[in-house]
PDB file of N, CA and C in Angstrom:
ATOM      1  N   GLU A   1     -86.163 -62.462  59.538  1.00  0.00           N
ATOM      2  CA  GLU A   1     -85.313 -61.959  60.584  1.00  0.00           C
ATOM      3  C   GLU A   1     -85.097 -60.457  60.468  1.00  0.00           C
ATOM      4  N   GLY A   2     -85.691 -59.812  59.524  1.00  0.00           N
ATOM      5  CA  GLY A   2     -85.591 -58.370  59.445  1.00  0.00           C
ATOM      6  C   GLY A   2     -84.449 -57.837  58.607  1.00  0.00           C
ATOM      7  N   HIS A   3     -83.760 -58.703  57.851  1.00  0.00           N
ATOM      8  CA  HIS A   3     -82.677 -58.209  57.002  1.00  0.00           C
ATOM      9  C   HIS A   3     -82.548 -59.085  55.761  1.00  0.00           C
ATOM     10  N   LEU A   4     -81.938 -58.534  54.763  1.00  0.00           N
ATOM     11  CA  LEU A   4     -81.666 -59.270  53.541  1.00  0.00           C
ATOM     12  C   LEU A   4     -80.155 -59.366  53.388  1.00  0.00           C
ATOM     13  N   PRO A   5     -79.545 -60.493  53.755  1.00  0.00           N
ATOM     14  CA  PRO A   5     -78.093 -60.598  53.693  1.00  0.00           C
ATOM     15  C   PRO A   5     -77.604 -60.551  52.247  1.00  0.00           C
ATOM     16  N   SER A   6     -76.569 -59.785  52.034  1.00  0.00           N
ATOM     17  CA  SER A   6     -75.952 -59.713  50.714  1.00  0.00           C
ATOM     18  C   SER A   6     -74.563 -59.109  50.855  1.00  0.00           C
ATOM     19  N   ASP A   7     -73.803 -59.210  49.803  1.00  0.00           N
ATOM     20  CA  ASP A   7     -72.464 -58.638  49.787  1.00  0.00           C
ATOM     21  C   ASP A   7     -72.546 -57.227  49.235  1.00  0.00           C
ATOM     22  N   TYR A   8     -72.194 -56.267  50.047  1.00  0.00           N
ATOM     23  CA  TYR A   8     -72.116 -54.886  49.586  1.00  0.00           C
ATOM     24  C   TYR A   8     -70.640 -54.535  49.473  1.00  0.00           C
ATOM     25  N   GLY A   9     -69.932 -55.403  48.765  1.00  0.00           N
ATOM     26  CA  GLY A   9     -68.490 -55.252  48.626  1.00  0.00           C
ATOM     27  C   GLY A   9     -68.143 -54.089  47.723  1.00  0.00           C
ATOM     28  N   GLY A  10     -66.994 -53.569  47.966  1.00  0.00           N
ATOM     29  CA  GLY A  10     -66.499 -52.478  47.146  1.00  0.00           C
ATOM     30  C   GLY A  10     -65.934 -51.366  47.988  1.00  0.00           C
ATOM     31  N   PRO A  11     -66.788 -50.531  48.573  1.00  0.00           N
ATOM     32  CA  PRO A  11     -66.264 -49.409  49.373  1.00  0.00           C
ATOM     33  C   PRO A  11     -65.554 -49.913  50.632  1.00  0.00           C
ATOM     34  N   MET A  12     -64.291 -49.579  50.768  1.00  0.00           N
ATOM     35  CA  MET A  12     -63.508 -50.058  51.910  1.00  0.00           C
ATOM     36  C   MET A  12     -63.620 -49.165  53.136  1.00  0.00           C
ATOM     37  N   PHE A  13     -64.402 -48.092  53.057  1.00  0.00           N
ATOM     38  CA  PHE A  13     -64.539 -47.197  54.203  1.00  0.00           C
ATOM     39  C   PHE A  13     -65.818 -47.462  54.993  1.00  0.00           C
ATOM     40  N   LEU A  14     -66.670 -48.383  54.542  1.00  0.00           N
ATOM     41  CA  LEU A  14     -67.916 -48.673  55.249  1.00  0.00           C
ATOM     42  C   LEU A  14     -67.704 -49.592  56.456  1.00  0.00           C
ATOM     43  N   LEU A  15     -66.936 -50.644  56.281  1.00  0.00           N
ATOM     44  CA  LEU A  15     -66.681 -51.577  57.374  1.00  0.00           C
ATOM     45  C   LEU A  15     -66.030 -50.879  58.570  1.00  0.00           C
ATOM     46  N   PRO A  16     -64.984 -50.064  58.369  1.00  0.00           N
ATOM     47  CA  PRO A  16     -64.403 -49.367  59.517  1.00  0.00           C
ATOM     48  C   PRO A  16     -65.407 -48.466  60.235  1.00  0.00           C
ATOM     49  N   GLY A  17     -66.282 -47.819  59.507  1.00  0.00           N
ATOM     50  CA  GLY A  17     -67.293 -46.973  60.142  1.00  0.00           C
ATOM     51  C   GLY A  17     -68.190 -47.768  61.061  1.00  0.00           C
ATOM     52  N   LEU A  18     -68.578 -48.957  60.631  1.00  0.00           N
ATOM     53  CA  LEU A  18     -69.417 -49.829  61.450  1.00  0.00           C
ATOM     54  C   LEU A  18     -68.655 -50.309  62.685  1.00  0.00           C
ATOM     55  N   VAL A  19     -67.442 -50.783  62.482  1.00  0.00           N
ATOM     56  CA  VAL A  19     -66.645 -51.324  63.587  1.00  0.00           C
ATOM     57  C   VAL A  19     -66.360 -50.248  64.631  1.00  0.00           C
ATOM     58  N   ILE A  20     -65.953 -49.075  64.196  1.00  0.00           N
ATOM     59  CA  ILE A  20     -65.631 -47.986  65.122  1.00  0.00           C
ATOM     60  C   ILE A  20     -66.893 -47.528  65.850  1.00  0.00           C
ATOM     61  N   SER A  21     -68.005 -47.414  65.144  1.00  0.00           N
ATOM     62  CA  SER A  21     -69.265 -47.001  65.779  1.00  0.00           C
ATOM     63  C   SER A  21     -69.715 -48.000  66.838  1.00  0.00           C
ATOM     64  N   LEU A  22     -69.625 -49.280  66.530  1.00  0.00           N
ATOM     65  CA  LEU A  22     -70.015 -50.301  67.504  1.00  0.00           C
ATOM     66  C   LEU A  22     -69.097 -50.272  68.724  1.00  0.00           C
ATOM     67  N   HIS A  23     -67.829 -50.023  68.497  1.00  0.00           N
ATOM     68  CA  HIS A  23     -66.875 -49.937  69.612  1.00  0.00           C
ATOM     69  C   HIS A  23     -67.197 -48.743  70.512  1.00  0.00           C
ATOM     70  N   ILE A  24     -67.448 -47.607  69.909  1.00  0.00           N
ATOM     71  CA  ILE A  24     -67.739 -46.383  70.676  1.00  0.00           C
ATOM     72  C   ILE A  24     -69.019 -46.540  71.490  1.00  0.00           C
ATOM     73  N   THR A  25     -70.023 -47.185  70.911  1.00  0.00           N
ATOM     74  CA  THR A  25     -71.312 -47.334  71.600  1.00  0.00           C
ATOM     75  C   THR A  25     -71.360 -48.535  72.535  1.00  0.00           C
ATOM     76  N   GLY A  26     -70.272 -49.306  72.594  1.00  0.00           N
ATOM     77  CA  GLY A  26     -70.210 -50.428  73.512  1.00  0.00           C
ATOM     78  C   GLY A  26     -71.033 -51.633  73.094  1.00  0.00           C
ATOM     79  N   ASN A  27     -71.218 -51.809  71.799  1.00  0.00           N
ATOM     80  CA  ASN A  27     -71.963 -52.953  71.274  1.00  0.00           C
ATOM     81  C   ASN A  27     -70.984 -53.962  70.675  1.00  0.00           C
ATOM     82  N   PRO A  28     -70.627 -54.991  71.436  1.00  0.00           N
ATOM     83  CA  PRO A  28     -69.640 -55.960  70.937  1.00  0.00           C
ATOM     84  C   PRO A  28     -70.191 -56.835  69.822  1.00  0.00           C
ATOM     85  N   LEU A  29     -69.316 -57.223  68.933  1.00  0.00           N
ATOM     86  CA  LEU A  29     -69.671 -58.144  67.855  1.00  0.00           C
ATOM     87  C   LEU A  29     -69.364 -59.575  68.295  1.00  0.00           C
ATOM     88  N   PRO A  30     -70.170 -60.535  67.860  1.00  0.00           N
ATOM     89  CA  PRO A  30     -69.852 -61.938  68.152  1.00  0.00           C
ATOM     90  C   PRO A  30     -68.505 -62.317  67.507  1.00  0.00           C
ATOM     91  N   ALA A  31     -67.840 -63.290  68.088  1.00  0.00           N
ATOM     92  CA  ALA A  31     -66.522 -63.711  67.592  1.00  0.00           C
ATOM     93  C   ALA A  31     -66.575 -64.134  66.127  1.00  0.00           C
ATOM     94  N   THR A  32     -67.652 -64.778  65.714  1.00  0.00           N
ATOM     95  CA  THR A  32     -67.757 -65.211  64.318  1.00  0.00           C
ATOM     96  C   THR A  32     -67.808 -64.016  63.367  1.00  0.00           C
ATOM     97  N   HIS A  33     -68.494 -62.958  63.755  1.00  0.00           N
ATOM     98  CA  HIS A  33     -68.563 -61.751  62.926  1.00  0.00           C
ATOM     99  C   HIS A  33     -67.187 -61.083  62.853  1.00  0.00           C
ATOM    100  N   ARG A  34     -66.510 -60.999  63.992  1.00  0.00           N
ATOM    101  CA  ARG A  34     -65.174 -60.381  64.014  1.00  0.00           C
ATOM    102  C   ARG A  34     -64.220 -61.152  63.106  1.00  0.00           C
ATOM    103  N   ARG A  35     -64.268 -62.483  63.195  1.00  0.00           N
ATOM    104  CA  ARG A  35     -63.371 -63.308  62.379  1.00  0.00           C
ATOM    105  C   ARG A  35     -63.623 -63.074  60.888  1.00  0.00           C
ATOM    106  N   GLU A  36     -64.892 -63.024  60.480  1.00  0.00           N
ATOM    107  CA  GLU A  36     -65.200 -62.826  59.063  1.00  0.00           C
ATOM    108  C   GLU A  36     -64.856 -61.417  58.593  1.00  0.00           C
ATOM    109  N   MET A  37     -65.004 -60.441  59.465  1.00  0.00           N
ATOM    110  CA  MET A  37     -64.612 -59.075  59.099  1.00  0.00           C
ATOM    111  C   MET A  37     -63.098 -58.988  58.922  1.00  0.00           C
ATOM    112  N   LEU A  38     -62.352 -59.660  59.784  1.00  0.00           N
ATOM    113  CA  LEU A  38     -60.892 -59.700  59.623  1.00  0.00           C
ATOM    114  C   LEU A  38     -60.517 -60.398  58.316  1.00  0.00           C
ATOM    115  N   ARG A  39     -61.225 -61.472  57.991  1.00  0.00           N
ATOM    116  CA  ARG A  39     -60.965 -62.180  56.729  1.00  0.00           C
ATOM    117  C   ARG A  39     -61.225 -61.258  55.538  1.00  0.00           C
ATOM    118  N   TYR A  40     -62.311 -60.484  55.599  1.00  0.00           N
ATOM    119  CA  TYR A  40     -62.630 -59.544  54.528  1.00  0.00           C
ATOM    120  C   TYR A  40     -61.498 -58.529  54.344  1.00  0.00           C
ATOM    121  N   LEU A  41     -60.998 -58.002  55.459  1.00  0.00           N
ATOM    122  CA  LEU A  41     -59.892 -57.038  55.371  1.00  0.00           C
ATOM    123  C   LEU A  41     -58.655 -57.678  54.738  1.00  0.00           C
ATOM    124  N   PHE A  42     -58.268 -58.871  55.213  1.00  0.00           N
ATOM    125  CA  PHE A  42     -57.098 -59.547  54.659  1.00  0.00           C
ATOM    126  C   PHE A  42     -57.263 -59.816  53.171  1.00  0.00           C
ATOM    127  N   ASN A  43     -58.460 -60.220  52.748  1.00  0.00           N
ATOM    128  CA  ASN A  43     -58.690 -60.563  51.347  1.00  0.00           C
ATOM    129  C   ASN A  43     -58.645 -59.359  50.418  1.00  0.00           C
ATOM    130  N   HIS A  44     -58.846 -58.168  50.956  1.00  0.00           N
ATOM    131  CA  HIS A  44     -58.897 -56.983  50.096  1.00  0.00           C
ATOM    132  C   HIS A  44     -57.748 -56.014  50.327  1.00  0.00           C
ATOM    133  N   GLN A  45     -56.713 -56.487  50.991  1.00  0.00           N
ATOM    134  CA  GLN A  45     -55.527 -55.662  51.177  1.00  0.00           C
ATOM    135  C   GLN A  45     -54.728 -55.632  49.881  1.00  0.00           C
ATOM    136  N   ASN A  46     -54.238 -54.473  49.516  1.00  0.00           N
ATOM    137  CA  ASN A  46     -53.444 -54.329  48.299  1.00  0.00           C
ATOM    138  C   ASN A  46     -52.053 -54.930  48.497  1.00  0.00           C
ATOM    139  N   PRO A  47     -51.371 -55.293  47.408  1.00  0.00           N
ATOM    140  CA  PRO A  47     -50.030 -55.876  47.517  1.00  0.00           C
ATOM    141  C   PRO A  47     -49.023 -54.983  48.262  1.00  0.00           C
ATOM    142  N   ASP A  48     -49.246 -53.670  48.225  1.00  0.00           N
ATOM    143  CA  ASP A  48     -48.320 -52.771  48.929  1.00  0.00           C
ATOM    144  C   ASP A  48     -48.625 -52.669  50.422  1.00  0.00           C
ATOM    145  N   GLY A  49     -49.649 -53.400  50.881  1.00  0.00           N
ATOM    146  CA  GLY A  49     -49.987 -53.417  52.296  1.00  0.00           C
ATOM    147  C   GLY A  49     -51.081 -52.445  52.688  1.00  0.00           C
ATOM    148  N   GLY A  50     -51.481 -51.581  51.767  1.00  0.00           N
ATOM    149  CA  GLY A  50     -52.494 -50.576  52.076  1.00  0.00           C
ATOM    150  C   GLY A  50     -53.876 -50.971  51.589  1.00  0.00           C
ATOM    151  N   PHE A  51     -54.809 -50.026  51.730  1.00  0.00           N
ATOM    152  CA  PHE A  51     -56.197 -50.223  51.311  1.00  0.00           C
ATOM    153  C   PHE A  51     -56.644 -49.002  50.534  1.00  0.00           C
ATOM    154  N   GLY A  52     -57.454 -49.225  49.501  1.00  0.00           N
ATOM    155  CA  GLY A  52     -57.991 -48.127  48.711  1.00  0.00           C
ATOM    156  C   GLY A  52     -59.408 -47.784  49.129  1.00  0.00           C
ATOM    157  N   LEU A  53     -59.984 -46.800  48.449  1.00  0.00           N
ATOM    158  CA  LEU A  53     -61.370 -46.408  48.730  1.00  0.00           C
ATOM    159  C   LEU A  53     -62.357 -47.506  48.349  1.00  0.00           C
ATOM    160  N   HIS A  54     -61.968 -48.369  47.422  1.00  0.00           N
ATOM    161  CA  HIS A  54     -62.773 -49.518  47.049  1.00  0.00           C
ATOM    162  C   HIS A  54     -61.836 -50.697  46.826  1.00  0.00           C
ATOM    163  N   ILE A  55     -62.384 -51.885  46.665  1.00  0.00           N
ATOM    164  CA  ILE A  55     -61.542 -53.081  46.666  1.00  0.00           C
ATOM    165  C   ILE A  55     -60.545 -53.143  45.512  1.00  0.00           C
ATOM    166  N   GLU A  56     -60.766 -52.388  44.453  1.00  0.00           N
ATOM    167  CA  GLU A  56     -59.834 -52.394  43.334  1.00  0.00           C
ATOM    168  C   GLU A  56     -59.037 -51.096  43.232  1.00  0.00           C
ATOM    169  N   GLY A  57     -59.169 -50.217  44.215  1.00  0.00           N
ATOM    170  CA  GLY A  57     -58.497 -48.929  44.163  1.00  0.00           C
ATOM    171  C   GLY A  57     -57.082 -48.971  44.699  1.00  0.00           C
ATOM    172  N   HIS A  58     -56.282 -47.987  44.282  1.00  0.00           N
ATOM    173  CA  HIS A  58     -54.922 -47.891  44.814  1.00  0.00           C
ATOM    174  C   HIS A  58     -54.980 -47.461  46.283  1.00  0.00           C
ATOM    175  N   SER A  59     -53.953 -47.773  47.003  1.00  0.00           N
ATOM    176  CA  SER A  59     -53.928 -47.512  48.440  1.00  0.00           C
ATOM    177  C   SER A  59     -53.968 -46.020  48.746  1.00  0.00           C
ATOM    178  N   THR A  60     -54.723 -45.681  49.771  1.00  0.00           N
ATOM    179  CA  THR A  60     -54.765 -44.309  50.272  1.00  0.00           C
ATOM    180  C   THR A  60     -54.505 -44.352  51.774  1.00  0.00           C
ATOM    181  N   MET A  61     -53.938 -43.285  52.290  1.00  0.00           N
ATOM    182  CA  MET A  61     -53.665 -43.220  53.721  1.00  0.00           C
ATOM    183  C   MET A  61     -54.971 -43.291  54.512  1.00  0.00           C
ATOM    184  N   PHE A  62     -56.014 -42.622  54.025  1.00  0.00           N
ATOM    185  CA  PHE A  62     -57.315 -42.585  54.689  1.00  0.00           C
ATOM    186  C   PHE A  62     -57.846 -43.990  54.961  1.00  0.00           C
ATOM    187  N   CYS A  63     -57.976 -44.789  53.915  1.00  0.00           N
ATOM    188  CA  CYS A  63     -58.554 -46.126  54.081  1.00  0.00           C
ATOM    189  C   CYS A  63     -57.586 -47.100  54.737  1.00  0.00           C
ATOM    190  N   THR A  64     -56.296 -46.908  54.549  1.00  0.00           N
ATOM    191  CA  THR A  64     -55.330 -47.779  55.212  1.00  0.00           C
ATOM    192  C   THR A  64     -55.403 -47.598  56.717  1.00  0.00           C
ATOM    193  N   VAL A  65     -55.473 -46.357  57.185  1.00  0.00           N
ATOM    194  CA  VAL A  65     -55.575 -46.103  58.627  1.00  0.00           C
ATOM    195  C   VAL A  65     -56.896 -46.630  59.177  1.00  0.00           C
ATOM    196  N   LEU A  66     -57.998 -46.367  58.473  1.00  0.00           N
ATOM    197  CA  LEU A  66     -59.300 -46.879  58.926  1.00  0.00           C
ATOM    198  C   LEU A  66     -59.297 -48.405  59.022  1.00  0.00           C
ATOM    199  N   SER A  67     -58.714 -49.052  58.046  1.00  0.00           N
ATOM    200  CA  SER A  67     -58.681 -50.515  58.048  1.00  0.00           C
ATOM    201  C   SER A  67     -57.777 -51.039  59.154  1.00  0.00           C
ATOM    202  N   TYR A  68     -56.664 -50.366  59.400  1.00  0.00           N
ATOM    203  CA  TYR A  68     -55.770 -50.788  60.483  1.00  0.00           C
ATOM    204  C   TYR A  68     -56.464 -50.641  61.838  1.00  0.00           C
ATOM    205  N   VAL A  69     -57.136 -49.519  62.060  1.00  0.00           N
ATOM    206  CA  VAL A  69     -57.857 -49.308  63.321  1.00  0.00           C
ATOM    207  C   VAL A  69     -58.933 -50.383  63.476  1.00  0.00           C
ATOM    208  N   SER A  70     -59.647 -50.680  62.415  1.00  0.00           N
ATOM    209  CA  SER A  70     -60.671 -51.725  62.460  1.00  0.00           C
ATOM    210  C   SER A  70     -60.051 -53.073  62.797  1.00  0.00           C
ATOM    211  N   HIS A  71     -58.929 -53.354  62.160  1.00  0.00           N
ATOM    212  CA  HIS A  71     -58.207 -54.607  62.419  1.00  0.00           C
ATOM    213  C   HIS A  71     -57.901 -54.747  63.911  1.00  0.00           C
ATOM    214  N   MET A  72     -57.420 -53.700  64.520  1.00  0.00           N
ATOM    215  CA  MET A  72     -57.075 -53.753  65.944  1.00  0.00           C
ATOM    216  C   MET A  72     -58.328 -53.855  66.814  1.00  0.00           C
ATOM    217  N   LEU A  73     -59.383 -53.100  66.496  1.00  0.00           N
ATOM    218  CA  LEU A  73     -60.618 -53.160  67.283  1.00  0.00           C
ATOM    219  C   LEU A  73     -61.308 -54.514  67.176  1.00  0.00           C
ATOM    220  N   LEU A  74     -61.108 -55.192  66.062  1.00  0.00           N
ATOM    221  CA  LEU A  74     -61.701 -56.516  65.874  1.00  0.00           C
ATOM    222  C   LEU A  74     -60.884 -57.610  66.552  1.00  0.00           C
ATOM    223  N   GLY A  75     -59.799 -57.230  67.163  1.00  0.00           N
ATOM    224  CA  GLY A  75     -58.967 -58.207  67.882  1.00  0.00           C
ATOM    225  C   GLY A  75     -57.875 -58.806  67.052  1.00  0.00           C
ATOM    226  N   GLY A  76     -57.527 -58.149  65.947  1.00  0.00           N
ATOM    227  CA  GLY A  76     -56.457 -58.644  65.099  1.00  0.00           C
ATOM    228  C   GLY A  76     -55.094 -58.576  65.773  1.00  0.00           C
ATOM    229  N   ASP A  77     -54.203 -59.405  65.328  1.00  0.00           N
ATOM    230  CA  ASP A  77     -52.853 -59.476  65.869  1.00  0.00           C
ATOM    231  C   ASP A  77     -52.017 -58.325  65.290  1.00  0.00           C
ATOM    232  N   HIS A  78     -51.385 -57.551  66.163  1.00  0.00           N
ATOM    233  CA  HIS A  78     -50.600 -56.412  65.675  1.00  0.00           C
ATOM    234  C   HIS A  78     -49.343 -56.868  64.939  1.00  0.00           C
ATOM    235  N   ASN A  79     -48.987 -58.144  65.026  1.00  0.00           N
ATOM    236  CA  ASN A  79     -47.843 -58.674  64.298  1.00  0.00           C
ATOM    237  C   ASN A  79     -48.250 -59.317  62.965  1.00  0.00           C
ATOM    238  N   ALA A  80     -49.534 -59.336  62.674  1.00  0.00           N
ATOM    239  CA  ALA A  80     -50.021 -59.960  61.432  1.00  0.00           C
ATOM    240  C   ALA A  80     -49.599 -59.141  60.222  1.00  0.00           C
ATOM    241  N   ALA A  81     -49.661 -59.769  59.062  1.00  0.00           N
ATOM    242  CA  ALA A  81     -49.261 -59.099  57.817  1.00  0.00           C
ATOM    243  C   ALA A  81     -50.059 -57.824  57.577  1.00  0.00           C
ATOM    244  N   LEU A  82     -51.317 -57.802  57.986  1.00  0.00           N
ATOM    245  CA  LEU A  82     -52.152 -56.622  57.798  1.00  0.00           C
ATOM    246  C   LEU A  82     -51.581 -55.414  58.537  1.00  0.00           C
ATOM    247  N   ALA A  83     -50.990 -55.670  59.682  1.00  0.00           N
ATOM    248  CA  ALA A  83     -50.528 -54.577  60.525  1.00  0.00           C
ATOM    249  C   ALA A  83     -49.122 -54.118  60.184  1.00  0.00           C
ATOM    250  N   VAL A  84     -48.449 -54.789  59.269  1.00  0.00           N
ATOM    251  CA  VAL A  84     -47.059 -54.440  58.952  1.00  0.00           C
ATOM    252  C   VAL A  84     -47.015 -53.401  57.864  1.00  0.00           C
TER     253      VAL A  84
END
């Protein structure tokens, strides 16, 4: 199929770049992809509610804002724990 699926987990700034780029270019993601991307964000949120540069990093404003914007573009609920 032209790709090798794998987990490139760690950097928390890559997913937002993809989501924002697809939104800007008008390329919608299938609902299943959006749901799994939202799950990835929820699973890697820090206890303080923020996101770090990588999945084990302390929260930074940069990645927290990128992740929040991605959450909203993916159709996340603004009342969800991620958005608080």
